[in-house]
Every structure is written in structure tokens, then in C-alpha cells.
């Protein structure tokens, strides 16, 4: 299914309008801190899930 041309043009404009170019990164976000936080959140969800499914 093809996107309508106006939506396609809008997406191309948004994709190409970055101020800092293609390789710009937000300096305040540490990839290790973000990944570690996501890993902790997933382990917490896994622990909660296993506590509720004791009978299986």
C-alpha cells in the first residue's frame, strides 16, 4: 500500500530537516545508562510475571 503523496512529502521533509545532520546525538543521553535502565525494567517485569505464575 502506497502512502499518499502529501504524507510522503511531509515525511521526507521531516526526515531531511535535522539541524545537525544525520549523525547528531543527544549529548545528555548515555547509551549505557539507557540500555541498563531498560534491562533493569525488563528484569523487573520478568520477576513480577514469574511471581504471578507460580502454579505453572
Protein backbone atom coordinates (compact mmCIF):
# COMPACT_ATOMS: atom_id res chain seq x y z
CA UNK A 1 0.00 0.00 0.00
CA UNK A 2 1.46 3.31 -1.08
CA UNK A 3 1.36 6.41 1.07
CA UNK A 4 -0.49 9.36 -0.40
CA UNK A 5 1.91 11.85 -1.96
CA UNK A 6 1.23 14.58 0.63
CA UNK A 7 2.06 12.25 3.51
CA UNK A 8 5.13 11.01 1.66
CA UNK A 9 6.32 14.57 1.04
CA UNK A 10 5.74 15.50 4.68
CA UNK A 11 7.73 12.50 5.89
CA UNK A 12 10.60 13.30 3.55
CA UNK A 13 10.64 16.90 4.75
CA UNK A 14 10.69 15.83 8.39
CA UNK A 15 13.41 13.27 7.77
CA UNK A 16 15.69 15.70 5.98
CA UNK A 17 15.18 18.76 8.21
CA UNK A 18 17.57 17.78 11.00
CA UNK A 19 19.70 20.74 12.13
CA UNK A 20 22.80 18.76 12.97
CA UNK A 21 22.82 16.26 10.19
CA UNK A 22 22.38 12.54 10.12
CA UNK A 23 24.80 11.58 12.89
CA UNK A 24 23.57 14.01 15.59
CA UNK A 25 23.10 12.53 19.06
CA UNK A 26 21.57 13.99 22.15
CA UNK A 27 24.55 14.60 24.42
CA UNK A 28 22.70 14.13 27.72
CA UNK A 29 21.58 10.57 26.95
CA UNK A 30 24.14 7.93 27.78
CA UNK A 31 23.59 4.74 25.76
CA UNK A 32 24.90 2.63 28.66
CA UNK A 33 22.55 4.27 31.15
CA UNK A 34 19.59 3.94 28.77
CA UNK A 35 20.37 0.29 27.99
CA UNK A 36 21.00 -0.53 31.64
CA UNK A 37 17.72 1.09 32.67
CA UNK A 38 15.85 -0.85 30.00
CA UNK A 39 17.50 -4.10 31.12
CA UNK A 40 16.57 -3.46 34.77
CA UNK A 41 12.98 -2.66 33.75
CA UNK A 42 12.74 -5.89 31.74
CA UNK A 43 14.16 -7.95 34.61
CA UNK A 44 11.64 -6.32 36.96
CA UNK A 45 8.79 -7.21 34.60
CA UNK A 46 10.12 -10.77 34.31
CA UNK A 47 10.30 -11.09 38.10
CA UNK A 48 6.73 -9.76 38.50
CA UNK A 49 5.47 -12.15 35.83
CA UNK A 50 7.11 -15.16 37.46
CA UNK A 51 5.66 -14.23 40.88
CA UNK A 52 2.11 -14.22 39.48
CA UNK A 53 2.56 -17.53 37.62
CA UNK A 54 3.78 -19.75 40.47
CA UNK A 55 1.31 -22.54 39.66
CA UNK A 56 2.60 -23.13 36.11
